[in-house]
Amino acid sequence: MGGSPEEQEAAMTQWMNWFGGLGEAVVVAGSPFGPAATIASDGAVGEGGHSSLSKYSIISADSLEDTVGKAKGCPVLTSGGSVDVYEAMPIG
């Protein structure tokens, strides 16, 4: 998000337009991640998460490729950020 109120409003408009364009595909809009910890296999706990993820959203799609297409409109990409897309695998 930008520093000035105008920049913040413009960024929020981009996000709302993107989510709005996804329509019913948005299952969970998500939220930013806060403080994190990483637990190693030996039980040691370190501050901060191992990955650089900062937010999550859950989107329904027909395939990974479909999700990638939808994610290409994410506003974070316009500021040099990146988006990781994962397919949730069914259990059972």
C-alpha atoms as a PDB file:
ATOM      1  CA  MET A   1       0.000   0.000   0.000  1.00  0.00           C
ATOM      2  CA  GLY A   2       1.153   3.515  -0.753  1.00  0.00           C
ATOM      3  CA  GLY A   3       2.038   6.030   1.909  1.00  0.00           C
ATOM      4  CA  SER A   4      -0.457   8.823   1.266  1.00  0.00           C
ATOM      5  CA  PRO A   5      -4.206   8.428   1.813  1.00  0.00           C
ATOM      6  CA  GLU A   6      -4.728   8.840  -1.938  1.00  0.00           C
ATOM      7  CA  GLU A   7      -2.215   6.079  -2.743  1.00  0.00           C
ATOM      8  CA  GLN A   8      -3.803   3.813  -0.151  1.00  0.00           C
ATOM      9  CA  GLU A   9      -7.266   4.447  -1.590  1.00  0.00           C
ATOM     10  CA  ALA A  10      -6.021   3.749  -5.123  1.00  0.00           C
ATOM     11  CA  ALA A  11      -4.425   0.471  -3.972  1.00  0.00           C
ATOM     12  CA  MET A  12      -7.595  -0.578  -2.167  1.00  0.00           C
ATOM     13  CA  THR A  13      -9.627   0.197  -5.303  1.00  0.00           C
ATOM     14  CA  GLN A  14      -7.315  -2.059  -7.347  1.00  0.00           C
ATOM     15  CA  TRP A  15      -7.772  -4.887  -4.832  1.00  0.00           C
ATOM     16  CA  MET A  16     -11.540  -4.508  -4.684  1.00  0.00           C
ATOM     17  CA  ASN A  17     -11.778  -4.399  -8.493  1.00  0.00           C
ATOM     18  CA  TRP A  18      -9.687  -7.562  -8.791  1.00  0.00           C
ATOM     19  CA  PHE A  19     -11.664  -9.450  -6.149  1.00  0.00           C
ATOM     20  CA  GLY A  20     -14.909  -8.147  -7.662  1.00  0.00           C
ATOM     21  CA  GLY A  21     -13.857  -9.412 -11.083  1.00  0.00           C
ATOM     22  CA  LEU A  22     -13.247 -12.884  -9.651  1.00  0.00           C
ATOM     23  CA  GLY A  23     -16.830 -13.006  -8.393  1.00  0.00           C
ATOM     24  CA  GLU A  24     -17.952 -16.338  -6.981  1.00  0.00           C
ATOM     25  CA  ALA A  25     -14.460 -17.807  -7.471  1.00  0.00           C
ATOM     26  CA  VAL A  26     -13.372 -16.050  -4.257  1.00  0.00           C
ATOM     27  CA  VAL A  27     -13.907 -18.609  -1.509  1.00  0.00           C
ATOM     28  CA  VAL A  28     -11.954 -16.729   1.168  1.00  0.00           C
ATOM     29  CA  ALA A  29     -10.594 -13.242   0.459  1.00  0.00           C
ATOM     30  CA  GLY A  30      -7.949 -13.880   3.108  1.00  0.00           C
ATOM     31  CA  SER A  31      -5.887 -11.535   5.178  1.00  0.00           C
ATOM     32  CA  PRO A  32      -2.281 -10.548   5.758  1.00  0.00           C
ATOM     33  CA  PHE A  33      -0.106 -12.757   7.930  1.00  0.00           C
ATOM     34  CA  GLY A  34       1.217 -11.376  11.207  1.00  0.00           C
ATOM     35  CA  PRO A  35       4.130 -12.560  13.332  1.00  0.00           C
ATOM     36  CA  ALA A  36       5.410 -16.042  12.508  1.00  0.00           C
ATOM     37  CA  ALA A  37       7.669 -18.780  13.838  1.00  0.00           C
ATOM     38  CA  THR A  38       9.415 -21.712  12.190  1.00  0.00           C
ATOM     39  CA  ILE A  39       9.710 -25.059  13.948  1.00  0.00           C
ATOM     40  CA  ALA A  40      12.651 -27.196  12.791  1.00  0.00           C
ATOM     41  CA  SER A  41      12.606 -30.995  12.674  1.00  0.00           C
ATOM     42  CA  ASP A  42      14.645 -31.063  15.919  1.00  0.00           C
ATOM     43  CA  GLY A  43      11.981 -28.957  17.658  1.00  0.00           C
ATOM     44  CA  ALA A  44      13.991 -25.725  17.646  1.00  0.00           C
ATOM     45  CA  VAL A  45      11.824 -22.652  17.183  1.00  0.00           C
ATOM     46  CA  GLY A  46      13.038 -19.646  15.219  1.00  0.00           C
ATOM     47  CA  GLU A  47      11.465 -16.230  14.860  1.00  0.00           C
ATOM     48  CA  GLY A  48       9.817 -15.457  11.567  1.00  0.00           C
ATOM     49  CA  GLY A  49       8.413 -17.838   9.008  1.00  0.00           C
ATOM     50  CA  HIS A  50      10.624 -19.817   6.648  1.00  0.00           C
ATOM     51  CA  SER A  51       8.725 -18.673   3.562  1.00  0.00           C
ATOM     52  CA  SER A  52       8.228 -15.090   2.484  1.00  0.00           C
ATOM     53  CA  LEU A  53       4.440 -15.385   2.236  1.00  0.00           C
ATOM     54  CA  SER A  54       2.600 -12.314   3.447  1.00  0.00           C
ATOM     55  CA  LYS A  55      -1.097 -12.955   2.698  1.00  0.00           C
ATOM     56  CA  TYR A  56      -3.407 -15.676   1.544  1.00  0.00           C
ATOM     57  CA  SER A  57      -6.605 -15.966  -0.457  1.00  0.00           C
ATOM     58  CA  ILE A  58      -8.562 -19.061  -1.440  1.00  0.00           C
ATOM     59  CA  ILE A  59      -9.932 -19.112  -4.969  1.00  0.00           C
ATOM     60  CA  SER A  60     -12.050 -21.805  -6.588  1.00  0.00           C
ATOM     61  CA  ALA A  61     -10.989 -22.775 -10.102  1.00  0.00           C
ATOM     62  CA  ASP A  62     -11.251 -25.671 -12.542  1.00  0.00           C
ATOM     63  CA  SER A  63      -7.487 -26.269 -12.705  1.00  0.00           C
ATOM     64  CA  LEU A  64      -4.128 -24.919 -11.625  1.00  0.00           C
ATOM     65  CA  GLU A  65      -3.860 -23.181 -14.996  1.00  0.00           C
ATOM     66  CA  ASP A  66      -7.251 -21.529 -14.437  1.00  0.00           C
ATOM     67  CA  THR A  67      -6.106 -20.273 -11.038  1.00  0.00           C
ATOM     68  CA  VAL A  68      -2.863 -18.938 -12.517  1.00  0.00           C
ATOM     69  CA  GLY A  69      -4.899 -17.017 -15.086  1.00  0.00           C
ATOM     70  CA  LYS A  70      -7.021 -15.496 -12.327  1.00  0.00           C
ATOM     71  CA  ALA A  71      -3.978 -14.688 -10.195  1.00  0.00           C
ATOM     72  CA  LYS A  72      -2.316 -12.788 -13.045  1.00  0.00           C
ATOM     73  CA  GLY A  73      -4.660  -9.882 -12.288  1.00  0.00           C
ATOM     74  CA  CYS A  74      -3.536  -9.594  -8.657  1.00  0.00           C
ATOM     75  CA  PRO A  75      -2.599  -5.981  -7.840  1.00  0.00           C
ATOM     76  CA  VAL A  76       0.540  -7.032  -5.954  1.00  0.00           C
ATOM     77  CA  LEU A  77       2.101  -7.797  -9.328  1.00  0.00           C
ATOM     78  CA  THR A  78       1.936  -4.120 -10.368  1.00  0.00           C
ATOM     79  CA  SER A  79       4.296  -3.181  -7.525  1.00  0.00           C
ATOM     80  CA  GLY A  80       6.946  -5.790  -8.295  1.00  0.00           C
ATOM     81  CA  GLY A  81       5.552  -8.464  -5.985  1.00  0.00           C
ATOM     82  CA  SER A  82       4.875 -12.065  -6.840  1.00  0.00           C
ATOM     83  CA  VAL A  83       2.056 -14.543  -6.313  1.00  0.00           C
ATOM     84  CA  ASP A  84       2.491 -18.211  -5.426  1.00  0.00           C
ATOM     85  CA  VAL A  85      -0.378 -20.449  -6.544  1.00  0.00           C
ATOM     86  CA  TYR A  86      -0.951 -23.809  -4.867  1.00  0.00           C
ATOM     87  CA  GLU A  87      -3.559 -26.443  -5.556  1.00  0.00           C
ATOM     88  CA  ALA A  88      -5.237 -27.789  -2.415  1.00  0.00           C
ATOM     89  CA  MET A  89      -5.292 -31.556  -2.655  1.00  0.00           C
ATOM     90  CA  PRO A  90      -8.318 -33.450  -1.377  1.00  0.00           C
ATOM     91  CA  ILE A  91      -7.780 -35.838   1.524  1.00  0.00           C
ATOM     92  CA  GLY A  92      -9.616 -39.101   1.646  1.00  0.00           C
END
